[in-house]
Amino acid sequence: MRLHLSDPTYTQKLAAFFQGLGQKALVSGPDQIEVVVPERGLKGASARIELEIYLRVWRVLYPDAAVAVENGE
């Protein structure tokens, strides 16, 4: 799952946020993060839901750091 940030100054912070939650998050550009999510099956669906919940928390903590999700589907 690719995440795009409106403000690249938050990129490292968002990657660290996901890594602190036990997720594999890689910075792939100045305003992009790749979060590794299983592609198929129930495990993939539940992992995507979990990441959406984490993004809700992020948006409360950092309302000025807008994040857009690109599912790649």
PDB file of N, CA and C in Angstrom:
ATOM      1  N   MET A   1       0.852  -1.154   0.000  1.00  0.00           N
ATOM      2  CA  MET A   1       0.000   0.000   0.000  1.00  0.00           C
ATOM      3  C   MET A   1       0.911   1.233   0.000  1.00  0.00           C
ATOM      4  N   ARG A   2       0.680   2.117  -0.948  1.00  0.00           N
ATOM      5  CA  ARG A   2       1.502   3.322  -1.057  1.00  0.00           C
ATOM      6  C   ARG A   2       0.766   4.489  -0.400  1.00  0.00           C
ATOM      7  N   LEU A   3       1.499   5.226   0.424  1.00  0.00           N
ATOM      8  CA  LEU A   3       0.952   6.402   1.096  1.00  0.00           C
ATOM      9  C   LEU A   3       1.662   7.644   0.577  1.00  0.00           C
ATOM     10  N   HIS A   4       0.892   8.665   0.266  1.00  0.00           N
ATOM     11  CA  HIS A   4       1.433   9.946  -0.200  1.00  0.00           C
ATOM     12  C   HIS A   4       1.114  11.007   0.846  1.00  0.00           C
ATOM     13  N   LEU A   5       2.125  11.738   1.262  1.00  0.00           N
ATOM     14  CA  LEU A   5       1.928  12.800   2.243  1.00  0.00           C
ATOM     15  C   LEU A   5       1.883  14.162   1.568  1.00  0.00           C
ATOM     16  N   SER A   6       1.044  15.042   2.094  1.00  0.00           N
ATOM     17  CA  SER A   6       0.947  16.395   1.545  1.00  0.00           C
ATOM     18  C   SER A   6       2.157  17.229   1.930  1.00  0.00           C
ATOM     19  N   ASP A   7       2.794  16.867   3.033  1.00  0.00           N
ATOM     20  CA  ASP A   7       3.953  17.606   3.536  1.00  0.00           C
ATOM     21  C   ASP A   7       5.104  16.621   3.751  1.00  0.00           C
ATOM     22  N   PRO A   8       6.132  16.672   2.910  1.00  0.00           N
ATOM     23  CA  PRO A   8       7.219  15.687   3.013  1.00  0.00           C
ATOM     24  C   PRO A   8       8.012  15.757   4.319  1.00  0.00           C
ATOM     25  N   THR A   9       7.853  16.799   5.095  1.00  0.00           N
ATOM     26  CA  THR A   9       8.573  16.857   6.372  1.00  0.00           C
ATOM     27  C   THR A   9       8.063  15.800   7.360  1.00  0.00           C
ATOM     28  N   TYR A  10       6.892  15.216   7.074  1.00  0.00           N
ATOM     29  CA  TYR A  10       6.335  14.186   7.954  1.00  0.00           C
ATOM     30  C   TYR A  10       6.647  12.756   7.493  1.00  0.00           C
ATOM     31  N   THR A  11       7.331  12.599   6.390  1.00  0.00           N
ATOM     32  CA  THR A  11       7.546  11.267   5.819  1.00  0.00           C
ATOM     33  C   THR A  11       8.261  10.327   6.786  1.00  0.00           C
ATOM     34  N   GLN A  12       9.392  10.739   7.311  1.00  0.00           N
ATOM     35  CA  GLN A  12      10.141   9.885   8.239  1.00  0.00           C
ATOM     36  C   GLN A  12       9.335   9.604   9.499  1.00  0.00           C
ATOM     37  N   LYS A  13       8.604  10.600   9.966  1.00  0.00           N
ATOM     38  CA  LYS A  13       7.796  10.436  11.181  1.00  0.00           C
ATOM     39  C   LYS A  13       6.686   9.407  10.964  1.00  0.00           C
ATOM     40  N   LEU A  14       6.039   9.439   9.786  1.00  0.00           N
ATOM     41  CA  LEU A  14       4.990   8.460   9.497  1.00  0.00           C
ATOM     42  C   LEU A  14       5.578   7.052   9.355  1.00  0.00           C
ATOM     43  N   ALA A  15       6.722   6.939   8.706  1.00  0.00           N
ATOM     44  CA  ALA A  15       7.374   5.632   8.587  1.00  0.00           C
ATOM     45  C   ALA A  15       7.714   5.083   9.973  1.00  0.00           C
ATOM     46  N   ALA A  16       8.253   5.922  10.835  1.00  0.00           N
ATOM     47  CA  ALA A  16       8.589   5.498  12.202  1.00  0.00           C
ATOM     48  C   ALA A  16       7.336   5.122  12.989  1.00  0.00           C
ATOM     49  N   PHE A  17       6.251   5.855  12.767  1.00  0.00           N
ATOM     50  CA  PHE A  17       4.976   5.568  13.413  1.00  0.00           C
ATOM     51  C   PHE A  17       4.532   4.142  13.070  1.00  0.00           C
ATOM     52  N   PHE A  18       4.535   3.806  11.775  1.00  0.00           N
ATOM     53  CA  PHE A  18       4.136   2.463  11.361  1.00  0.00           C
ATOM     54  C   PHE A  18       5.116   1.408  11.856  1.00  0.00           C
ATOM     55  N   GLN A  19       6.403   1.689  11.792  1.00  0.00           N
ATOM     56  CA  GLN A  19       7.397   0.731  12.268  1.00  0.00           C
ATOM     57  C   GLN A  19       7.240   0.480  13.761  1.00  0.00           C
ATOM     58  N   GLY A  20       6.904   1.516  14.515  1.00  0.00           N
ATOM     59  CA  GLY A  20       6.667   1.370  15.943  1.00  0.00           C
ATOM     60  C   GLY A  20       5.460   0.496  16.257  1.00  0.00           C
ATOM     61  N   LEU A  21       4.567   0.362  15.276  1.00  0.00           N
ATOM     62  CA  LEU A  21       3.390  -0.489  15.429  1.00  0.00           C
ATOM     63  C   LEU A  21       3.635  -1.896  14.881  1.00  0.00           C
ATOM     64  N   GLY A  22       4.890  -2.179  14.503  1.00  0.00           N
ATOM     65  CA  GLY A  22       5.241  -3.499  14.021  1.00  0.00           C
ATOM     66  C   GLY A  22       4.971  -3.720  12.541  1.00  0.00           C
ATOM     67  N   GLN A  23       4.765  -2.640  11.793  1.00  0.00           N
ATOM     68  CA  GLN A  23       4.504  -2.732  10.364  1.00  0.00           C
ATOM     69  C   GLN A  23       5.797  -2.502   9.591  1.00  0.00           C
ATOM     70  N   LYS A  24       5.888  -3.089   8.410  1.00  0.00           N
ATOM     71  CA  LYS A  24       7.041  -2.860   7.545  1.00  0.00           C
ATOM     72  C   LYS A  24       6.717  -1.665   6.662  1.00  0.00           C
ATOM     73  N   ALA A  25       7.364  -0.543   6.944  1.00  0.00           N
ATOM     74  CA  ALA A  25       7.132   0.701   6.206  1.00  0.00           C
ATOM     75  C   ALA A  25       8.459   1.203   5.665  1.00  0.00           C
ATOM     76  N   LEU A  26       8.499   1.436   4.356  1.00  0.00           N
ATOM     77  CA  LEU A  26       9.723   1.882   3.696  1.00  0.00           C
ATOM     78  C   LEU A  26       9.491   3.228   3.030  1.00  0.00           C
ATOM     79  N   VAL A  27      10.406   4.148   3.236  1.00  0.00           N
ATOM     80  CA  VAL A  27      10.332   5.440   2.559  1.00  0.00           C
ATOM     81  C   VAL A  27      10.745   5.215   1.110  1.00  0.00           C
ATOM     82  N   SER A  28       9.854   5.556   0.180  1.00  0.00           N
ATOM     83  CA  SER A  28      10.133   5.322  -1.238  1.00  0.00           C
ATOM     84  C   SER A  28      10.238   6.621  -2.028  1.00  0.00           C
ATOM     85  N   GLY A  29      10.174   7.734  -1.344  1.00  0.00           N
ATOM     86  CA  GLY A  29      10.292   9.045  -1.976  1.00  0.00           C
ATOM     87  C   GLY A  29      10.175  10.111  -0.909  1.00  0.00           C
ATOM     88  N   PRO A  30      10.396  11.367  -1.269  1.00  0.00           N
ATOM     89  CA  PRO A  30      10.356  12.424  -0.262  1.00  0.00           C
ATOM     90  C   PRO A  30       8.986  12.585   0.392  1.00  0.00           C
ATOM     91  N   ASP A  31       7.932  12.148  -0.299  1.00  0.00           N
ATOM     92  CA  ASP A  31       6.583  12.258   0.265  1.00  0.00           C
ATOM     93  C   ASP A  31       5.806  10.952   0.112  1.00  0.00           C
ATOM     94  N   GLN A  32       6.539   9.822   0.051  1.00  0.00           N
ATOM     95  CA  GLN A  32       5.904   8.521  -0.156  1.00  0.00           C
ATOM     96  C   GLN A  32       6.440   7.463   0.795  1.00  0.00           C
ATOM     97  N   ILE A  33       5.523   6.609   1.218  1.00  0.00           N
ATOM     98  CA  ILE A  33       5.875   5.462   2.050  1.00  0.00           C
ATOM     99  C   ILE A  33       5.176   4.240   1.476  1.00  0.00           C
ATOM    100  N   GLU A  34       5.888   3.136   1.435  1.00  0.00           N
ATOM    101  CA  GLU A  34       5.315   1.849   1.037  1.00  0.00           C
ATOM    102  C   GLU A  34       5.130   1.031   2.313  1.00  0.00           C
ATOM    103  N   VAL A  35       3.903   0.611   2.566  1.00  0.00           N
ATOM    104  CA  VAL A  35       3.619  -0.257   3.702  1.00  0.00           C
ATOM    105  C   VAL A  35       3.289  -1.629   3.136  1.00  0.00           C
ATOM    106  N   VAL A  36       4.012  -2.632   3.589  1.00  0.00           N
ATOM    107  CA  VAL A  36       3.838  -3.984   3.071  1.00  0.00           C
ATOM    108  C   VAL A  36       2.580  -4.595   3.690  1.00  0.00           C
ATOM    109  N   VAL A  37       1.643  -4.977   2.806  1.00  0.00           N
ATOM    110  CA  VAL A  37       0.368  -5.568   3.212  1.00  0.00           C
ATOM    111  C   VAL A  37       0.138  -6.805   2.352  1.00  0.00           C
ATOM    112  N   PRO A  38      -0.282  -7.929   2.951  1.00  0.00           N
ATOM    113  CA  PRO A  38      -0.612  -9.089   2.126  1.00  0.00           C
ATOM    114  C   PRO A  38      -1.659  -8.705   1.078  1.00  0.00           C
ATOM    115  N   GLU A  39      -1.497  -9.195  -0.136  1.00  0.00           N
ATOM    116  CA  GLU A  39      -2.359  -8.797  -1.249  1.00  0.00           C
ATOM    117  C   GLU A  39      -3.723  -9.476  -1.253  1.00  0.00           C
ATOM    118  N   ARG A  40      -3.781 -10.729  -0.860  1.00  0.00           N
ATOM    119  CA  ARG A  40      -5.018 -11.472  -1.057  1.00  0.00           C
ATOM    120  C   ARG A  40      -5.481 -12.171   0.209  1.00  0.00           C
ATOM    121  N   GLY A  41      -6.724 -12.587   0.157  1.00  0.00           N
ATOM    122  CA  GLY A  41      -7.283 -13.404   1.223  1.00  0.00           C
ATOM    123  C   GLY A  41      -7.710 -12.599   2.432  1.00  0.00           C
ATOM    124  N   LEU A  42      -8.205 -13.328   3.406  1.00  0.00           N
ATOM    125  CA  LEU A  42      -8.702 -12.710   4.630  1.00  0.00           C
ATOM    126  C   LEU A  42      -7.608 -11.967   5.370  1.00  0.00           C
ATOM    127  N   LYS A  43      -6.407 -12.519   5.371  1.00  0.00           N
ATOM    128  CA  LYS A  43      -5.297 -11.873   6.061  1.00  0.00           C
ATOM    129  C   LYS A  43      -4.993 -10.515   5.436  1.00  0.00           C
ATOM    130  N   GLY A  44      -5.024 -10.427   4.123  1.00  0.00           N
ATOM    131  CA  GLY A  44      -4.777  -9.171   3.430  1.00  0.00           C
ATOM    132  C   GLY A  44      -5.857  -8.146   3.722  1.00  0.00           C
ATOM    133  N   ALA A  45      -7.104  -8.583   3.737  1.00  0.00           N
ATOM    134  CA  ALA A  45      -8.219  -7.669   4.007  1.00  0.00           C
ATOM    135  C   ALA A  45      -8.141  -7.131   5.431  1.00  0.00           C
ATOM    136  N   SER A  46      -7.859  -7.991   6.386  1.00  0.00           N
ATOM    137  CA  SER A  46      -7.783  -7.540   7.772  1.00  0.00           C
ATOM    138  C   SER A  46      -6.564  -6.642   7.992  1.00  0.00           C
ATOM    139  N   ALA A  47      -5.472  -6.907   7.279  1.00  0.00           N
ATOM    140  CA  ALA A  47      -4.286  -6.053   7.403  1.00  0.00           C
ATOM    141  C   ALA A  47      -4.567  -4.661   6.867  1.00  0.00           C
ATOM    142  N   ARG A  48      -5.307  -4.563   5.756  1.00  0.00           N
ATOM    143  CA  ARG A  48      -5.660  -3.244   5.206  1.00  0.00           C
ATOM    144  C   ARG A  48      -6.567  -2.473   6.160  1.00  0.00           C
ATOM    145  N   ILE A  49      -7.508  -3.171   6.776  1.00  0.00           N
ATOM    146  CA  ILE A  49      -8.390  -2.525   7.750  1.00  0.00           C
ATOM    147  C   ILE A  49      -7.574  -2.022   8.933  1.00  0.00           C
ATOM    148  N   GLU A  50      -6.642  -2.833   9.391  1.00  0.00           N
ATOM    149  CA  GLU A  50      -5.772  -2.443  10.499  1.00  0.00           C
ATOM    150  C   GLU A  50      -4.978  -1.187  10.148  1.00  0.00           C
ATOM    151  N   LEU A  51      -4.432  -1.130   8.937  1.00  0.00           N
ATOM    152  CA  LEU A  51      -3.671   0.049   8.522  1.00  0.00           C
ATOM    153  C   LEU A  51      -4.555   1.285   8.430  1.00  0.00           C
ATOM    154  N   GLU A  52      -5.789   1.117   8.004  1.00  0.00           N
ATOM    155  CA  GLU A  52      -6.717   2.254   7.954  1.00  0.00           C
ATOM    156  C   GLU A  52      -6.988   2.789   9.362  1.00  0.00           C
ATOM    157  N   ILE A  53      -7.075   1.900  10.327  1.00  0.00           N
ATOM    158  CA  ILE A  53      -7.270   2.323  11.720  1.00  0.00           C
ATOM    159  C   ILE A  53      -6.047   3.101  12.202  1.00  0.00           C
ATOM    160  N   TYR A  54      -4.859   2.595  11.884  1.00  0.00           N
ATOM    161  CA  TYR A  54      -3.639   3.317  12.266  1.00  0.00           C
ATOM    162  C   TYR A  54      -3.605   4.701  11.628  1.00  0.00           C
ATOM    163  N   LEU A  55      -4.053   4.800  10.374  1.00  0.00           N
ATOM    164  CA  LEU A  55      -4.077   6.112   9.708  1.00  0.00           C
ATOM    165  C   LEU A  55      -5.062   7.059  10.371  1.00  0.00           C
ATOM    166  N   ARG A  56      -6.152   6.547  10.889  1.00  0.00           N
ATOM    167  CA  ARG A  56      -7.097   7.397  11.629  1.00  0.00           C
ATOM    168  C   ARG A  56      -6.431   7.987  12.866  1.00  0.00           C
ATOM    169  N   VAL A  57      -5.667   7.156  13.559  1.00  0.00           N
ATOM    170  CA  VAL A  57      -4.930   7.649  14.734  1.00  0.00           C
ATOM    171  C   VAL A  57      -3.919   8.709  14.305  1.00  0.00           C
ATOM    172  N   TRP A  58      -3.174   8.438  13.229  1.00  0.00           N
ATOM    173  CA  TRP A  58      -2.193   9.391  12.705  1.00  0.00           C
ATOM    174  C   TRP A  58      -2.858  10.733  12.416  1.00  0.00           C
ATOM    175  N   ARG A  59      -4.018  10.703  11.780  1.00  0.00           N
ATOM    176  CA  ARG A  59      -4.722  11.936  11.398  1.00  0.00           C
ATOM    177  C   ARG A  59      -5.166  12.738  12.606  1.00  0.00           C
ATOM    178  N   VAL A  60      -5.441  12.069  13.708  1.00  0.00           N
ATOM    179  CA  VAL A  60      -5.778  12.782  14.947  1.00  0.00           C
ATOM    180  C   VAL A  60      -4.514  13.405  15.540  1.00  0.00           C
ATOM    181  N   LEU A  61      -3.423  12.646  15.529  1.00  0.00           N
ATOM    182  CA  LEU A  61      -2.170  13.148  16.101  1.00  0.00           C
ATOM    183  C   LEU A  61      -1.547  14.258  15.261  1.00  0.00           C
ATOM    184  N   TYR A  62      -1.657  14.155  13.939  1.00  0.00           N
ATOM    185  CA  TYR A  62      -1.023  15.098  13.013  1.00  0.00           C
ATOM    186  C   TYR A  62      -2.033  15.569  11.957  1.00  0.00           C
ATOM    187  N   PRO A  63      -2.990  16.397  12.351  1.00  0.00           N
ATOM    188  CA  PRO A  63      -4.036  16.808  11.401  1.00  0.00           C
ATOM    189  C   PRO A  63      -3.508  17.621  10.217  1.00  0.00           C
ATOM    190  N   ASP A  64      -2.336  18.223  10.351  1.00  0.00           N
ATOM    191  CA  ASP A  64      -1.763  19.009   9.254  1.00  0.00           C
ATOM    192  C   ASP A  64      -0.999  18.158   8.249  1.00  0.00           C
ATOM    193  N   ALA A  65      -0.812  16.877   8.553  1.00  0.00           N
ATOM    194  CA  ALA A  65      -0.049  15.985   7.676  1.00  0.00           C
ATOM    195  C   ALA A  65      -1.010  15.061   6.947  1.00  0.00           C
ATOM    196  N   ALA A  66      -1.643  15.575   5.906  1.00  0.00           N
ATOM    197  CA  ALA A  66      -2.616  14.785   5.152  1.00  0.00           C
ATOM    198  C   ALA A  66      -1.930  13.615   4.448  1.00  0.00           C
ATOM    199  N   VAL A  67      -2.600  12.473   4.471  1.00  0.00           N
ATOM    200  CA  VAL A  67      -2.084  11.258   3.855  1.00  0.00           C
ATOM    201  C   VAL A  67      -3.131  10.713   2.889  1.00  0.00           C
ATOM    202  N   ALA A  68      -2.716  10.460   1.669  1.00  0.00           N
ATOM    203  CA  ALA A  68      -3.583   9.818   0.672  1.00  0.00           C
ATOM    204  C   ALA A  68      -3.111   8.390   0.479  1.00  0.00           C
ATOM    205  N   VAL A  69      -4.053   7.474   0.348  1.00  0.00           N
ATOM    206  CA  VAL A  69      -3.752   6.044   0.209  1.00  0.00           C
ATOM    207  C   VAL A  69      -3.952   5.627  -1.238  1.00  0.00           C
ATOM    208  N   GLU A  70      -2.947   4.947  -1.766  1.00  0.00           N
ATOM    209  CA  GLU A  70      -3.044   4.330  -3.094  1.00  0.00           C
ATOM    210  C   GLU A  70      -2.976   2.837  -2.891  1.00  0.00           C
ATOM    211  N   ASN A  71      -4.079   2.166  -3.082  1.00  0.00           N
ATOM    212  CA  ASN A  71      -4.149   0.719  -2.811  1.00  0.00           C
ATOM    213  C   ASN A  71      -3.438  -0.123  -3.845  1.00  0.00           C
ATOM    214  N   GLY A  72      -3.300   0.373  -5.043  1.00  0.00           N
ATOM    215  CA  GLY A  72      -2.670  -0.424  -6.079  1.00  0.00           C
ATOM    216  C   GLY A  72      -3.558  -1.499  -6.647  1.00  0.00           C
ATOM    217  N   GLU A  73      -4.853  -1.373  -6.441  1.00  0.00           N
ATOM    218  CA  GLU A  73      -5.793  -2.374  -6.937  1.00  0.00           C
ATOM    219  C   GLU A  73      -6.435  -1.918  -8.219  1.00  0.00           C
TER     220      GLU A  73
END
